[in-house]
Structure formats: structure tokens, C-alpha cells
Amino acid sequence: MAEAVLAKGDRVVATARKEETLADLERQYPNHGRAVRLDIADFTQVTASAQAAINAFGRIDVLVNSAGTGLVGAVEEVSDAQIRQQFETNIFGLLDVIRAVIPLLRQQGSGHIVNISGMGGQVSFPLASIYHATKYAIEGISESLAKEVAAFGIKSSSRVHSKPVSPAVR
């Protein structure tokens, strides 16, 4: 996604737990691409990455939340620790990023938050109930958030394979 946006001439601050995985973006697009280390489980890094985007380009127009992890196993087989980790990454991390960016978007009077839920937020399969719970939660968060931030000129939507799934948001 970052490469497609950069190829169109837009600016991107791409994040990853291992910043070096994004180094090619900075080399290929030195004026438009920035790589920032971000572990969404660390709120200090979350706020620092939002500030890095502001420092680099002066604003944030679109936030794409795509970080996530999967968990396979029957409900009675997965541990409490695995369940909590799944929610920490897929839900609480996503919420932390949103909460770090919304004040900046509100100050600008515009922006769009796109949360990637994937098919897991639309269709459920056996042995993935905890994963699906987080992905369905992303759908609900995105739809409700759209109504909360609309008055500030901010949009929120979720995407499954690049098609909008939240009709309440345009």
C-alpha cells in the first residue's frame, strides 16, 4: 500500500516493528517516504510515530491501521495469555494509534482513519474465533467512530480487500 501511494507522488510515513524492513522506501522515495519504528503495544512509540509524521510532513491526512496478528485454535485450547495478546495487538494497539492521531486530525479539521479488518471481520471460520472477535470489533469501532468524528471533518472506515464495508462512512 505504501509503495502504491508513494508511486502516485503522495507522502507516506510507514511504520513497522523493524524499521529496517522499510528502509527501501526511504531510499527509493527520499522526499516522500519515511520509515518509523513502531510497536503498537508501546504507547510511547505510538505517540512518537504520530509526531514523526507531523515533523516530517506537517500533517496527517490518512491513517491506515493495518497491524495485526492471527491466532488459530479452538476456544477451549487457546490460553488466556494468547487471547489477551490477540486483543492487545488487534484492538488495543489499533485504538491507541487512533487515539494518538485523532487530536491532530481534529486540529486540522480533516482526515480519514482506515482500519483494515480483512475478511476475518466479515466471515468466520472454525478454529479462529478469537481472531474473528478482534476483526469484527474493528468493524464496530470503525462504524461508531465515523459518527463520533464526522462533526470534526474526519472520516472513519474499515476495509476488506480494498472495498469499503462500512456504508455509514463516505
N, C-alpha and C. Protein backbone atom coordinates (compact mmCIF):
# COMPACT_ATOMS: atom_id res chain seq x y z
N MET A 1 0.82 -1.18 0.00
CA MET A 1 0.00 0.00 0.00
C MET A 1 0.87 1.25 0.00
N ALA A 2 1.89 1.25 0.85
CA ALA A 2 2.78 2.42 0.93
C ALA A 2 3.45 2.67 -0.42
N GLU A 3 3.91 1.62 -1.07
CA GLU A 3 4.56 1.78 -2.36
C GLU A 3 3.61 2.35 -3.41
N ALA A 4 2.36 1.90 -3.41
CA ALA A 4 1.38 2.41 -4.37
C ALA A 4 1.11 3.89 -4.13
N VAL A 5 1.00 4.28 -2.87
CA VAL A 5 0.75 5.68 -2.54
C VAL A 5 1.96 6.54 -2.92
N LEU A 6 3.14 6.06 -2.61
CA LEU A 6 4.36 6.79 -2.96
C LEU A 6 4.53 6.91 -4.47
N ALA A 7 4.19 5.86 -5.20
CA ALA A 7 4.31 5.88 -6.65
C ALA A 7 3.41 6.94 -7.28
N LYS A 8 2.31 7.27 -6.60
CA LYS A 8 1.40 8.31 -7.08
C LYS A 8 1.89 9.72 -6.72
N GLY A 9 2.98 9.80 -5.94
CA GLY A 9 3.55 11.09 -5.58
C GLY A 9 3.12 11.62 -4.23
N ASP A 10 2.33 10.84 -3.50
CA ASP A 10 1.91 11.26 -2.16
C ASP A 10 3.00 10.92 -1.15
N ARG A 11 2.87 11.47 0.04
CA ARG A 11 3.86 11.26 1.10
C ARG A 11 3.35 10.20 2.07
N VAL A 12 4.31 9.43 2.59
CA VAL A 12 3.96 8.32 3.48
C VAL A 12 4.95 8.24 4.62
N VAL A 13 4.41 8.04 5.81
CA VAL A 13 5.20 7.61 6.94
C VAL A 13 4.77 6.18 7.22
N ALA A 14 5.63 5.25 6.88
CA ALA A 14 5.33 3.83 7.07
C ALA A 14 5.96 3.36 8.37
N THR A 15 5.25 2.50 9.07
CA THR A 15 5.75 2.02 10.36
C THR A 15 5.86 0.50 10.34
N ALA A 16 6.79 0.03 11.15
CA ALA A 16 6.99 -1.40 11.34
C ALA A 16 7.76 -1.61 12.63
N ARG A 17 7.62 -2.79 13.19
CA ARG A 17 8.40 -3.09 14.40
C ARG A 17 9.89 -3.07 14.10
N LYS A 18 10.25 -3.49 12.90
CA LYS A 18 11.64 -3.47 12.47
C LYS A 18 11.77 -2.42 11.37
N GLU A 19 12.24 -1.26 11.74
CA GLU A 19 12.32 -0.12 10.83
C GLU A 19 13.12 -0.45 9.56
N GLU A 20 14.12 -1.31 9.70
CA GLU A 20 14.95 -1.64 8.54
C GLU A 20 14.17 -2.34 7.43
N THR A 21 13.02 -2.95 7.76
CA THR A 21 12.21 -3.59 6.72
C THR A 21 11.61 -2.56 5.76
N LEU A 22 11.61 -1.30 6.17
CA LEU A 22 11.05 -0.23 5.34
C LEU A 22 12.12 0.70 4.76
N ALA A 23 13.37 0.39 5.00
CA ALA A 23 14.45 1.27 4.56
C ALA A 23 14.43 1.51 3.06
N ASP A 24 14.04 0.52 2.27
CA ASP A 24 13.98 0.69 0.82
C ASP A 24 13.03 1.80 0.42
N LEU A 25 11.95 1.98 1.18
CA LEU A 25 11.01 3.05 0.86
C LEU A 25 11.67 4.42 0.97
N GLU A 26 12.44 4.61 2.01
CA GLU A 26 13.13 5.89 2.19
C GLU A 26 14.19 6.11 1.10
N ARG A 27 14.88 5.03 0.73
CA ARG A 27 15.90 5.16 -0.32
C ARG A 27 15.26 5.45 -1.68
N GLN A 28 14.18 4.77 -1.97
CA GLN A 28 13.53 4.93 -3.27
C GLN A 28 12.76 6.24 -3.37
N TYR A 29 12.21 6.71 -2.24
CA TYR A 29 11.39 7.93 -2.23
C TYR A 29 11.90 8.87 -1.14
N PRO A 30 13.11 9.41 -1.30
CA PRO A 30 13.73 10.19 -0.22
C PRO A 30 12.96 11.45 0.18
N ASN A 31 12.21 12.03 -0.71
CA ASN A 31 11.47 13.25 -0.39
C ASN A 31 10.03 12.98 0.08
N HIS A 32 9.57 11.76 -0.12
CA HIS A 32 8.17 11.47 0.17
C HIS A 32 7.96 10.33 1.15
N GLY A 33 8.97 9.52 1.40
CA GLY A 33 8.80 8.36 2.26
C GLY A 33 9.64 8.42 3.52
N ARG A 34 9.04 8.06 4.63
CA ARG A 34 9.76 7.96 5.91
C ARG A 34 9.42 6.62 6.54
N ALA A 35 10.41 6.03 7.16
CA ALA A 35 10.23 4.79 7.90
C ALA A 35 10.39 5.09 9.38
N VAL A 36 9.45 4.61 10.17
CA VAL A 36 9.46 4.85 11.61
C VAL A 36 9.23 3.54 12.34
N ARG A 37 10.03 3.29 13.34
CA ARG A 37 9.85 2.09 14.18
C ARG A 37 8.60 2.26 15.02
N LEU A 38 7.75 1.23 15.02
CA LEU A 38 6.54 1.28 15.82
C LEU A 38 6.11 -0.11 16.25
N ASP A 39 6.12 -0.31 17.54
CA ASP A 39 5.49 -1.48 18.15
C ASP A 39 4.22 -0.94 18.77
N ILE A 40 3.07 -1.29 18.22
CA ILE A 40 1.82 -0.69 18.69
C ILE A 40 1.46 -1.09 20.11
N ALA A 41 2.21 -2.00 20.67
CA ALA A 41 1.99 -2.35 22.08
C ALA A 41 2.66 -1.35 23.02
N ASP A 42 3.43 -0.42 22.46
CA ASP A 42 4.16 0.57 23.25
C ASP A 42 3.58 1.96 22.95
N PHE A 43 2.77 2.49 23.86
CA PHE A 43 2.08 3.76 23.61
C PHE A 43 3.06 4.90 23.40
N THR A 44 4.23 4.85 24.01
CA THR A 44 5.24 5.88 23.79
C THR A 44 5.65 5.90 22.32
N GLN A 45 5.85 4.73 21.74
CA GLN A 45 6.20 4.65 20.32
C GLN A 45 5.03 5.08 19.44
N VAL A 46 3.81 4.78 19.87
CA VAL A 46 2.62 5.18 19.10
C VAL A 46 2.59 6.71 18.98
N THR A 47 2.70 7.39 20.11
CA THR A 47 2.64 8.86 20.06
C THR A 47 3.86 9.43 19.33
N ALA A 48 5.01 8.81 19.50
CA ALA A 48 6.22 9.28 18.81
C ALA A 48 6.08 9.13 17.30
N SER A 49 5.45 8.06 16.84
CA SER A 49 5.30 7.87 15.39
C SER A 49 4.34 8.89 14.81
N ALA A 50 3.28 9.22 15.54
CA ALA A 50 2.36 10.27 15.06
C ALA A 50 3.09 11.60 14.98
N GLN A 51 3.90 11.89 15.97
CA GLN A 51 4.67 13.14 15.97
C GLN A 51 5.71 13.14 14.86
N ALA A 52 6.28 11.97 14.57
CA ALA A 52 7.25 11.87 13.48
C ALA A 52 6.60 12.21 12.14
N ALA A 53 5.37 11.80 11.95
CA ALA A 53 4.65 12.13 10.72
C ALA A 53 4.43 13.64 10.61
N ILE A 54 4.04 14.25 11.72
CA ILE A 54 3.84 15.70 11.74
C ILE A 54 5.17 16.42 11.47
N ASN A 55 6.22 15.97 12.12
CA ASN A 55 7.54 16.59 11.94
C ASN A 55 8.02 16.47 10.49
N ALA A 56 7.74 15.32 9.88
CA ALA A 56 8.22 15.09 8.52
C ALA A 56 7.43 15.88 7.48
N PHE A 57 6.10 15.90 7.63
CA PHE A 57 5.26 16.43 6.56
C PHE A 57 4.25 17.49 7.00
N GLY A 58 4.22 17.80 8.29
CA GLY A 58 3.36 18.88 8.76
C GLY A 58 1.92 18.52 9.04
N ARG A 59 1.49 17.34 8.62
CA ARG A 59 0.09 16.95 8.84
C ARG A 59 -0.06 15.45 8.59
N ILE A 60 -1.21 14.95 8.98
CA ILE A 60 -1.60 13.57 8.68
C ILE A 60 -2.95 13.66 7.99
N ASP A 61 -3.03 13.16 6.77
CA ASP A 61 -4.29 13.17 6.04
C ASP A 61 -5.02 11.84 6.15
N VAL A 62 -4.27 10.75 6.13
CA VAL A 62 -4.88 9.42 6.19
C VAL A 62 -4.07 8.56 7.14
N LEU A 63 -4.77 7.92 8.06
CA LEU A 63 -4.16 6.91 8.93
C LEU A 63 -4.68 5.57 8.46
N VAL A 64 -3.78 4.65 8.14
CA VAL A 64 -4.17 3.29 7.79
C VAL A 64 -3.67 2.38 8.90
N ASN A 65 -4.61 1.80 9.62
CA ASN A 65 -4.29 0.84 10.68
C ASN A 65 -4.34 -0.55 10.08
N SER A 66 -3.18 -1.15 9.87
CA SER A 66 -3.16 -2.49 9.28
C SER A 66 -2.39 -3.50 10.12
N ALA A 67 -1.86 -3.07 11.25
CA ALA A 67 -1.12 -4.01 12.10
C ALA A 67 -2.08 -5.05 12.66
N GLY A 68 -1.62 -6.24 12.76
CA GLY A 68 -2.47 -7.29 13.32
C GLY A 68 -1.73 -8.60 13.38
N THR A 69 -2.30 -9.49 14.13
CA THR A 69 -1.72 -10.83 14.26
C THR A 69 -2.86 -11.83 14.27
N GLY A 70 -2.57 -13.06 13.92
CA GLY A 70 -3.59 -14.10 13.88
C GLY A 70 -3.42 -15.09 15.02
N LEU A 71 -4.49 -15.78 15.31
CA LEU A 71 -4.47 -16.81 16.34
C LEU A 71 -5.38 -17.93 15.88
N VAL A 72 -4.82 -19.13 15.79
CA VAL A 72 -5.59 -20.29 15.38
C VAL A 72 -5.68 -21.25 16.55
N GLY A 73 -6.88 -21.71 16.81
CA GLY A 73 -7.09 -22.69 17.87
C GLY A 73 -8.52 -22.63 18.37
N ALA A 74 -8.99 -23.76 18.82
CA ALA A 74 -10.35 -23.82 19.38
C ALA A 74 -10.39 -22.99 20.66
N VAL A 75 -11.55 -22.43 20.95
CA VAL A 75 -11.70 -21.55 22.12
C VAL A 75 -11.17 -22.22 23.38
N GLU A 76 -11.47 -23.49 23.57
CA GLU A 76 -11.05 -24.15 24.81
C GLU A 76 -9.57 -24.52 24.81
N GLU A 77 -8.90 -24.37 23.68
CA GLU A 77 -7.50 -24.74 23.60
C GLU A 77 -6.53 -23.56 23.74
N VAL A 78 -6.97 -22.36 23.37
CA VAL A 78 -6.06 -21.22 23.44
C VAL A 78 -5.98 -20.71 24.88
N SER A 79 -4.83 -20.23 25.25
CA SER A 79 -4.61 -19.78 26.62
C SER A 79 -5.12 -18.35 26.82
N ASP A 80 -5.29 -17.99 28.07
CA ASP A 80 -5.65 -16.60 28.40
C ASP A 80 -4.61 -15.64 27.86
N ALA A 81 -3.34 -16.01 27.98
CA ALA A 81 -2.26 -15.14 27.50
C ALA A 81 -2.36 -14.94 25.98
N GLN A 82 -2.67 -15.99 25.24
CA GLN A 82 -2.81 -15.87 23.79
C GLN A 82 -4.00 -14.98 23.42
N ILE A 83 -5.10 -15.16 24.14
CA ILE A 83 -6.29 -14.34 23.88
C ILE A 83 -5.99 -12.88 24.17
N ARG A 84 -5.37 -12.62 25.30
CA ARG A 84 -5.05 -11.24 25.66
C ARG A 84 -4.08 -10.61 24.66
N GLN A 85 -3.09 -11.37 24.21
CA GLN A 85 -2.14 -10.85 23.23
C GLN A 85 -2.85 -10.52 21.92
N GLN A 86 -3.78 -11.36 21.52
CA GLN A 86 -4.53 -11.11 20.28
C GLN A 86 -5.31 -9.79 20.37
N PHE A 87 -5.95 -9.58 21.51
CA PHE A 87 -6.70 -8.33 21.69
C PHE A 87 -5.77 -7.14 21.89
N GLU A 88 -4.64 -7.33 22.56
CA GLU A 88 -3.67 -6.23 22.75
C GLU A 88 -3.21 -5.69 21.40
N THR A 89 -2.88 -6.58 20.50
CA THR A 89 -2.37 -6.15 19.20
C THR A 89 -3.50 -5.64 18.31
N ASN A 90 -4.50 -6.48 18.08
CA ASN A 90 -5.51 -6.18 17.08
C ASN A 90 -6.52 -5.12 17.49
N ILE A 91 -6.77 -4.96 18.79
CA ILE A 91 -7.76 -3.98 19.24
C ILE A 91 -7.11 -2.85 20.01
N PHE A 92 -6.44 -3.14 21.10
CA PHE A 92 -5.90 -2.06 21.93
C PHE A 92 -4.80 -1.28 21.20
N GLY A 93 -3.98 -1.96 20.42
CA GLY A 93 -2.98 -1.25 19.62
C GLY A 93 -3.64 -0.34 18.61
N LEU A 94 -4.64 -0.86 17.91
CA LEU A 94 -5.39 -0.06 16.94
C LEU A 94 -6.01 1.16 17.61
N LEU A 95 -6.63 0.96 18.76
CA LEU A 95 -7.26 2.07 19.48
C LEU A 95 -6.22 3.10 19.94
N ASP A 96 -5.08 2.64 20.39
CA ASP A 96 -4.03 3.57 20.82
C ASP A 96 -3.57 4.46 19.66
N VAL A 97 -3.41 3.87 18.47
CA VAL A 97 -2.99 4.65 17.31
C VAL A 97 -4.08 5.66 16.96
N ILE A 98 -5.32 5.23 16.96
CA ILE A 98 -6.43 6.15 16.67
C ILE A 98 -6.45 7.29 17.67
N ARG A 99 -6.33 6.96 18.94
CA ARG A 99 -6.40 8.00 19.99
C ARG A 99 -5.21 8.96 19.90
N ALA A 100 -4.08 8.50 19.41
CA ALA A 100 -2.92 9.38 19.25
C ALA A 100 -3.08 10.34 18.07
N VAL A 101 -3.81 9.91 17.05
CA VAL A 101 -3.92 10.69 15.82
C VAL A 101 -5.15 11.60 15.79
N ILE A 102 -6.23 11.20 16.42
CA ILE A 102 -7.47 12.00 16.35
C ILE A 102 -7.27 13.46 16.77
N PRO A 103 -6.56 13.75 17.85
CA PRO A 103 -6.39 15.18 18.19
C PRO A 103 -5.72 15.98 17.07
N LEU A 104 -4.78 15.36 16.37
CA LEU A 104 -4.11 16.02 15.25
C LEU A 104 -5.08 16.25 14.09
N LEU A 105 -5.88 15.24 13.79
CA LEU A 105 -6.86 15.38 12.71
C LEU A 105 -7.92 16.42 13.07
N ARG A 106 -8.35 16.41 14.32
CA ARG A 106 -9.35 17.37 14.76
C ARG A 106 -8.81 18.80 14.63
N GLN A 107 -7.56 18.97 15.01
CA GLN A 107 -6.92 20.29 14.89
C GLN A 107 -6.85 20.74 13.43
N GLN A 108 -6.60 19.81 12.52
CA GLN A 108 -6.56 20.11 11.09
C GLN A 108 -7.94 20.36 10.51
N GLY A 109 -8.96 19.74 11.13
CA GLY A 109 -10.32 19.82 10.60
C GLY A 109 -10.58 18.86 9.46
N SER A 110 -9.71 17.85 9.33
CA SER A 110 -9.89 16.87 8.26
C SER A 110 -9.01 15.65 8.53
N GLY A 111 -9.31 14.60 7.80
CA GLY A 111 -8.53 13.38 7.87
C GLY A 111 -9.41 12.17 7.67
N HIS A 112 -8.78 11.04 7.46
CA HIS A 112 -9.51 9.79 7.25
C HIS A 112 -8.76 8.67 7.97
N ILE A 113 -9.48 7.95 8.81
CA ILE A 113 -8.93 6.79 9.51
C ILE A 113 -9.46 5.55 8.82
N VAL A 114 -8.55 4.72 8.31
CA VAL A 114 -8.93 3.49 7.63
C VAL A 114 -8.38 2.33 8.45
N ASN A 115 -9.28 1.50 8.94
CA ASN A 115 -8.89 0.34 9.73
C ASN A 115 -9.08 -0.92 8.88
N ILE A 116 -8.01 -1.67 8.70
CA ILE A 116 -8.07 -2.88 7.89
C ILE A 116 -8.54 -4.04 8.77
N SER A 117 -9.72 -4.54 8.44
CA SER A 117 -10.26 -5.66 9.21
C SER A 117 -10.04 -6.98 8.49
N GLY A 118 -10.00 -6.94 7.19
CA GLY A 118 -9.85 -8.17 6.42
C GLY A 118 -11.14 -8.97 6.39
N MET A 119 -11.10 -10.06 5.68
CA MET A 119 -12.28 -10.93 5.60
C MET A 119 -12.68 -11.45 6.97
N GLY A 120 -11.71 -11.49 7.89
CA GLY A 120 -11.99 -12.00 9.23
C GLY A 120 -13.00 -11.19 10.00
N GLY A 121 -13.30 -9.98 9.52
CA GLY A 121 -14.33 -9.15 10.13
C GLY A 121 -15.68 -9.28 9.46
N GLN A 122 -15.75 -10.16 8.46
CA GLN A 122 -16.99 -10.36 7.70
C GLN A 122 -17.48 -11.80 7.71
N VAL A 123 -16.53 -12.74 7.72
CA VAL A 123 -16.84 -14.16 7.61
C VAL A 123 -16.04 -14.91 8.66
N SER A 124 -16.67 -15.86 9.33
CA SER A 124 -15.98 -16.62 10.38
C SER A 124 -15.72 -18.05 9.96
N PHE A 125 -14.57 -18.55 10.42
CA PHE A 125 -14.17 -19.92 10.12
C PHE A 125 -13.86 -20.65 11.42
N PRO A 126 -13.96 -21.97 11.44
CA PRO A 126 -13.63 -22.72 12.65
C PRO A 126 -12.17 -22.50 13.05
N LEU A 127 -11.91 -22.60 14.32
CA LEU A 127 -10.57 -22.51 14.91
C LEU A 127 -9.97 -21.10 14.84
N ALA A 128 -10.81 -20.10 14.63
CA ALA A 128 -10.30 -18.74 14.57
C ALA A 128 -11.24 -17.77 15.29
N SER A 129 -11.96 -18.25 16.27
CA SER A 129 -12.98 -17.42 16.92
C SER A 129 -12.40 -16.19 17.61
N ILE A 130 -11.25 -16.32 18.23
CA ILE A 130 -10.66 -15.17 18.92
C ILE A 130 -10.17 -14.15 17.90
N TYR A 131 -9.53 -14.62 16.85
CA TYR A 131 -9.10 -13.74 15.76
C TYR A 131 -10.31 -13.01 15.18
N HIS A 132 -11.37 -13.76 14.86
CA HIS A 132 -12.57 -13.14 14.29
C HIS A 132 -13.19 -12.14 15.27
N ALA A 133 -13.16 -12.43 16.53
CA ALA A 133 -13.71 -11.49 17.51
C ALA A 133 -13.02 -10.14 17.40
N THR A 134 -11.70 -10.15 17.21
CA THR A 134 -10.99 -8.87 17.09
C THR A 134 -11.31 -8.18 15.77
N LYS A 135 -11.45 -8.94 14.72
CA LYS A 135 -11.72 -8.33 13.42
C LYS A 135 -13.15 -7.79 13.33
N TYR A 136 -14.10 -8.48 13.92
CA TYR A 136 -15.47 -7.94 13.99
C TYR A 136 -15.49 -6.69 14.86
N ALA A 137 -14.70 -6.66 15.90
CA ALA A 137 -14.61 -5.47 16.75
C ALA A 137 -14.10 -4.28 15.96
N ILE A 138 -13.15 -4.50 15.07
CA ILE A 138 -12.64 -3.41 14.23
C ILE A 138 -13.76 -2.83 13.40
N GLU A 139 -14.63 -3.66 12.89
CA GLU A 139 -15.77 -3.18 12.10
C GLU A 139 -16.66 -2.27 12.96
N GLY A 140 -16.97 -2.71 14.17
CA GLY A 140 -17.82 -1.92 15.06
C GLY A 140 -17.16 -0.62 15.48
N ILE A 141 -15.89 -0.69 15.80
CA ILE A 141 -15.15 0.52 16.18
C ILE A 141 -15.17 1.52 15.03
N SER A 142 -14.89 1.06 13.83
CA SER A 142 -14.82 1.95 12.66
C SER A 142 -16.16 2.62 12.39
N GLU A 143 -17.23 1.85 12.45
CA GLU A 143 -18.55 2.40 12.17
C GLU A 143 -18.98 3.42 13.21
N SER A 144 -18.78 3.10 14.47
CA SER A 144 -19.15 4.04 15.53
C SER A 144 -18.24 5.27 15.52
N LEU A 145 -16.95 5.05 15.32
CA LEU A 145 -16.01 6.16 15.28
C LEU A 145 -16.38 7.15 14.19
N ALA A 146 -16.85 6.66 13.06
CA ALA A 146 -17.25 7.55 11.97
C ALA A 146 -18.29 8.56 12.44
N LYS A 147 -19.20 8.12 13.26
CA LYS A 147 -20.25 9.01 13.77
C LYS A 147 -19.70 9.95 14.83
N GLU A 148 -18.72 9.52 15.57
CA GLU A 148 -18.13 10.35 16.62
C GLU A 148 -17.30 11.50 16.06
N VAL A 149 -16.61 11.27 14.95
CA VAL A 149 -15.66 12.26 14.45
C VAL A 149 -16.13 13.04 13.23
N ALA A 150 -17.28 12.70 12.69
CA ALA A 150 -17.78 13.36 11.47
C ALA A 150 -17.88 14.87 11.64
N ALA A 151 -18.34 15.31 12.79
CA ALA A 151 -18.51 16.76 13.02
C ALA A 151 -17.18 17.51 12.99
N PHE A 152 -16.07 16.80 13.12
CA PHE A 152 -14.75 17.42 13.09
C PHE A 152 -14.11 17.37 11.70
N GLY A 153 -14.86 16.90 10.71
CA GLY A 153 -14.33 16.79 9.36
C GLY A 153 -13.48 15.55 9.14
N ILE A 154 -13.62 14.59 10.04
CA ILE A 154 -12.81 13.36 9.98
C ILE A 154 -13.71 12.21 9.56
N LYS A 155 -13.19 11.33 8.72
CA LYS A 155 -13.90 10.13 8.29
C LYS A 155 -13.24 8.91 8.93
N SER A 156 -14.02 7.88 9.08
CA SER A 156 -13.51 6.60 9.57
C SER A 156 -14.19 5.50 8.78
N SER A 157 -13.42 4.53 8.35
CA SER A 157 -13.99 3.39 7.64
C SER A 157 -13.12 2.18 7.86
N SER A 158 -13.68 1.04 7.52
CA SER A 158 -12.89 -0.19 7.56
C SER A 158 -12.87 -0.75 6.14
N ARG A 159 -11.87 -1.53 5.88
CA ARG A 159 -11.71 -2.05 4.53
C ARG A 159 -11.42 -3.55 4.57
N VAL A 160 -12.03 -4.21 3.61
CA VAL A 160 -11.76 -5.62 3.38
C VAL A 160 -11.32 -5.72 1.92
N HIS A 161 -10.10 -6.08 1.70
CA HIS A 161 -9.58 -6.21 0.33
C HIS A 161 -9.89 -4.98 -0.51
N SER A 162 -9.66 -3.82 0.05
CA SER A 162 -9.78 -2.51 -0.57
C SER A 162 -11.20 -2.13 -0.98
N LYS A 163 -12.20 -2.81 -0.46
CA LYS A 163 -13.57 -2.39 -0.72
C LYS A 163 -14.18 -1.92 0.60
N PRO A 164 -14.90 -0.78 0.60
CA PRO A 164 -15.49 -0.30 1.85
C PRO A 164 -16.55 -1.27 2.36
N VAL A 165 -16.53 -1.49 3.66
CA VAL A 165 -17.52 -2.38 4.27
C VAL A 165 -18.43 -1.64 5.22
N SER A 166 -18.18 -0.40 5.45
CA SER A 166 -19.00 0.36 6.38
C SER A 166 -19.80 1.41 5.60
N PRO A 167 -21.05 1.10 5.28
CA PRO A 167 -21.83 2.02 4.45
C PRO A 167 -22.12 3.34 5.13
N ALA A 168 -21.95 3.43 6.44
CA ALA A 168 -22.24 4.67 7.17
C ALA A 168 -21.14 5.71 6.95
N VAL A 169 -20.05 5.31 6.31
CA VAL A 169 -18.90 6.21 6.19
C VAL A 169 -18.60 6.45 4.72
N ARG A 170 -18.53 7.69 4.34
CA ARG A 170 -18.13 8.05 2.96
C ARG A 170 -17.30 9.30 3.01
